Amino acid sequence: MENLVTRHCDHKDLETLRTLSVKTFTETFLAENTPDDIATYVAEHFSVQQLGRELGDAFSMLFLVEYHGIPVAYMKLNFEQAQTEREYPGSLEIQRIYVLKEFKGRHIGKRLVDTAVEIANREHLDYLWLGVWEHNSRAIAFYEKQGFKKFATHSFKLGNDVQQDHIMRLDL
């Protein structure tokens, strides 16, 4: 897709990142979860304070994708101690890839996965991994198409609801 730009986020992007995080997360999960659980999760994980900490973490990288200058997607990568699971040495975690609903199906997710692969290769890492909700069949199918394979599960707390994620891995 032409006119797409992928770039690193920094602190000047904080409000943009917060707005995009809340919107994409809500679009993706509200239909299959309670509004209270979504609101609790969003308040905890997408506050200005929390996102500011993530932007300042030397072991995380955040990227925005813009279409004609309008933010339409983002990705968060975690290295070493920033990873949400600590038992995967030699790896890079894709913690978040979210795309606005109206921009899904335009290969933006693939573009972000390719960016993660380039970074992992540059850092001489062995594989990428991520967690994806077991009921998010569209995301699971997307990651499988990119070559990821399920190798474990873990619990994920959305508000007061404890859910199961597939842990998927892409060997490099």
Protein backbone atom coordinates (compact mmCIF):
# COMPACT_ATOMS: atom_id res chain seq x y z
CA MET A 1 0.00 0.00 0.00
CA GLU A 2 1.47 3.30 -1.06
CA ASN A 3 1.73 6.34 1.20
CA LEU A 4 2.41 4.23 4.30
CA VAL A 5 5.24 5.27 6.58
CA THR A 6 6.50 3.15 9.47
CA ARG A 7 8.49 5.05 12.07
CA HIS A 8 9.72 4.80 15.66
CA CYS A 9 7.52 6.35 18.33
CA ASP A 10 8.99 8.71 20.86
CA HIS A 11 7.57 10.83 23.69
CA LYS A 12 6.12 13.41 21.29
CA ASP A 13 3.84 10.63 20.00
CA LEU A 14 2.43 9.82 23.45
CA GLU A 15 -1.10 11.19 22.96
CA THR A 16 -1.31 9.76 19.44
CA LEU A 17 -0.18 6.37 20.71
CA ARG A 18 -2.66 6.48 23.60
CA THR A 19 -5.58 7.36 21.34
CA LEU A 20 -4.63 4.71 18.78
CA SER A 21 -4.07 2.06 21.49
CA VAL A 22 -7.47 2.62 23.07
CA LYS A 23 -9.32 2.70 19.75
CA THR A 24 -7.69 -0.35 18.18
CA PHE A 25 -7.91 -2.46 21.35
CA THR A 26 -11.57 -1.58 21.83
CA GLU A 27 -12.40 -2.23 18.16
CA THR A 28 -10.67 -5.60 18.34
CA PHE A 29 -12.04 -6.97 21.61
CA LEU A 30 -15.22 -5.16 22.76
CA ALA A 31 -17.64 -7.39 20.84
CA GLU A 32 -16.45 -10.51 22.71
CA ASN A 33 -15.75 -9.04 26.15
CA THR A 34 -17.58 -6.94 28.72
CA PRO A 35 -17.33 -3.15 28.56
CA ASP A 36 -16.13 -3.16 32.19
CA ASP A 37 -13.26 -5.56 31.46
CA ILE A 38 -12.23 -3.51 28.41
CA ALA A 39 -12.40 -0.25 30.38
CA THR A 40 -10.32 -1.69 33.24
CA TYR A 41 -7.67 -3.04 30.88
CA VAL A 42 -7.48 0.19 28.87
CA ALA A 43 -7.16 2.29 32.04
CA GLU A 44 -4.31 0.11 33.33
CA HIS A 45 -2.36 -0.47 30.14
CA PHE A 46 -2.99 2.55 27.92
CA SER A 47 -2.78 5.43 30.37
CA VAL A 48 -0.45 8.32 29.60
CA GLN A 49 1.73 7.23 32.52
CA GLN A 50 1.99 3.59 31.42
CA LEU A 51 2.65 4.39 27.77
CA GLY A 52 5.20 7.00 28.84
CA ARG A 53 7.05 4.31 30.81
CA GLU A 54 6.96 2.00 27.79
CA LEU A 55 8.31 4.74 25.50
CA GLY A 56 11.13 5.35 27.97
CA ASP A 57 12.07 1.67 28.36
CA ALA A 58 15.43 0.98 26.70
CA PHE A 59 14.35 -2.65 26.14
CA SER A 60 11.15 -1.82 24.22
CA MET A 61 10.54 -0.28 20.82
CA LEU A 62 7.28 1.20 19.58
CA PHE A 63 6.44 1.93 15.96
CA LEU A 64 3.64 3.88 14.33
CA VAL A 65 2.31 3.29 10.84
CA GLU A 66 0.88 6.37 9.18
CA TYR A 67 -1.18 6.63 6.03
CA HIS A 68 -0.93 10.10 4.50
CA GLY A 69 0.29 11.27 7.92
CA ILE A 70 -2.66 9.73 9.82
CA PRO A 71 -1.79 7.05 12.42
CA VAL A 72 -3.46 3.76 11.44
CA ALA A 73 -1.46 1.07 13.29
CA TYR A 74 1.26 0.47 15.83
CA MET A 75 3.57 -2.24 17.13
CA LYS A 76 5.41 -2.78 20.41
CA LEU A 77 8.51 -4.97 20.59
CA ASN A 78 10.23 -6.15 23.77
CA PHE A 79 13.79 -7.34 24.34
CA GLU A 80 15.27 -9.16 27.32
CA GLN A 81 13.81 -7.99 30.67
CA ALA A 82 11.00 -6.00 29.03
CA GLN A 83 9.45 -9.22 27.70
CA THR A 84 6.17 -10.24 29.31
CA GLU A 85 7.49 -13.80 29.69
CA ARG A 86 11.09 -14.26 30.85
CA GLU A 87 11.72 -17.84 29.78
CA TYR A 88 12.45 -17.16 26.10
CA PRO A 89 16.13 -16.13 25.86
CA GLY A 90 17.57 -15.18 22.49
CA SER A 91 14.21 -13.88 21.30
CA LEU A 92 12.23 -10.77 20.48
CA GLU A 93 8.64 -10.44 21.69
CA ILE A 94 5.98 -8.80 19.58
CA GLN A 95 3.75 -7.63 22.42
CA ARG A 96 1.29 -5.65 20.32
CA ILE A 97 0.34 -5.22 16.70
CA TYR A 98 -2.90 -3.30 16.30
CA VAL A 99 -4.42 -1.89 13.12
CA LEU A 100 -7.49 0.32 12.83
CA LYS A 101 -10.46 -1.71 11.62
CA GLU A 102 -10.81 0.18 8.34
CA PHE A 103 -7.15 -0.52 7.48
CA LYS A 104 -7.15 -4.27 8.17
CA GLY A 105 -6.51 -6.44 5.14
CA ARG A 106 -4.07 -3.94 3.61
CA HIS A 107 -0.88 -5.84 4.57
CA ILE A 108 0.03 -3.43 7.36
CA GLY A 109 0.38 -6.27 9.87
CA LYS A 110 2.74 -8.10 7.52
CA ARG A 111 4.77 -4.92 7.13
CA LEU A 112 5.11 -4.73 10.93
CA VAL A 113 6.05 -8.41 11.28
CA ASP A 114 8.68 -7.90 8.56
CA THR A 115 10.06 -4.95 10.55
CA ALA A 116 10.27 -7.14 13.66
CA VAL A 117 12.05 -9.88 11.69
CA GLU A 118 14.59 -7.35 10.36
CA ILE A 119 15.29 -6.08 13.88
CA ALA A 120 15.60 -9.60 15.32
CA ASN A 121 17.98 -10.60 12.52
CA ARG A 122 20.06 -7.46 13.03
CA GLU A 123 20.30 -8.31 16.76
CA HIS A 124 21.22 -11.95 15.95
CA LEU A 125 18.21 -13.34 17.81
CA ASP A 126 16.92 -16.87 17.26
CA TYR A 127 13.18 -16.29 17.03
CA LEU A 128 10.19 -13.99 17.47
CA TRP A 129 7.33 -14.86 19.78
CA LEU A 130 3.97 -13.40 20.75
CA GLY A 131 0.81 -14.13 22.69
CA VAL A 132 -2.54 -14.09 20.91
CA TRP A 133 -5.97 -14.66 22.49
CA GLU A 134 -7.19 -18.19 21.79
CA HIS A 135 -10.51 -16.80 20.48
CA ASN A 136 -8.93 -14.27 18.08
CA SER A 137 -9.07 -16.60 15.08
CA ARG A 138 -8.38 -13.83 12.58
CA ALA A 139 -5.10 -12.90 14.31
CA ILE A 140 -4.11 -16.55 14.75
CA ALA A 141 -4.66 -17.20 11.04
CA PHE A 142 -2.63 -14.08 10.17
CA TYR A 143 0.31 -15.14 12.34
CA GLU A 144 0.21 -18.70 10.98
CA LYS A 145 0.34 -17.26 7.46
CA GLN A 146 3.50 -15.36 8.52
CA GLY A 147 5.06 -18.67 9.65
CA PHE A 148 4.36 -18.53 13.40
CA LYS A 149 3.53 -21.80 15.15
CA LYS A 150 1.84 -22.34 18.51
CA PHE A 151 4.21 -23.79 21.11
CA ALA A 152 2.73 -22.90 24.51
CA THR A 153 -0.10 -21.08 26.30
CA HIS A 154 -0.29 -18.55 29.10
CA SER A 155 -2.95 -16.74 31.06
CA PHE A 156 -3.84 -13.16 30.23
CA LYS A 157 -5.97 -11.00 32.51
CA LEU A 158 -8.43 -8.71 30.75
CA GLY A 159 -10.03 -6.69 33.52
CA ASN A 160 -11.45 -9.37 35.81
CA ASP A 161 -11.52 -12.09 33.15
CA VAL A 162 -8.61 -14.54 33.03
CA GLN A 163 -8.21 -15.68 29.42
CA GLN A 164 -5.84 -18.02 27.60
CA ASP A 165 -3.36 -16.90 24.96
CA HIS A 166 -1.58 -19.08 22.44
CA ILE A 167 2.14 -18.41 22.51
CA MET A 168 3.35 -18.49 18.91
CA ARG A 169 6.89 -18.55 17.63
CA LEU A 170 8.66 -17.75 14.36
CA ASP A 171 12.14 -19.25 14.07
CA LEU A 172 14.62 -17.10 12.19
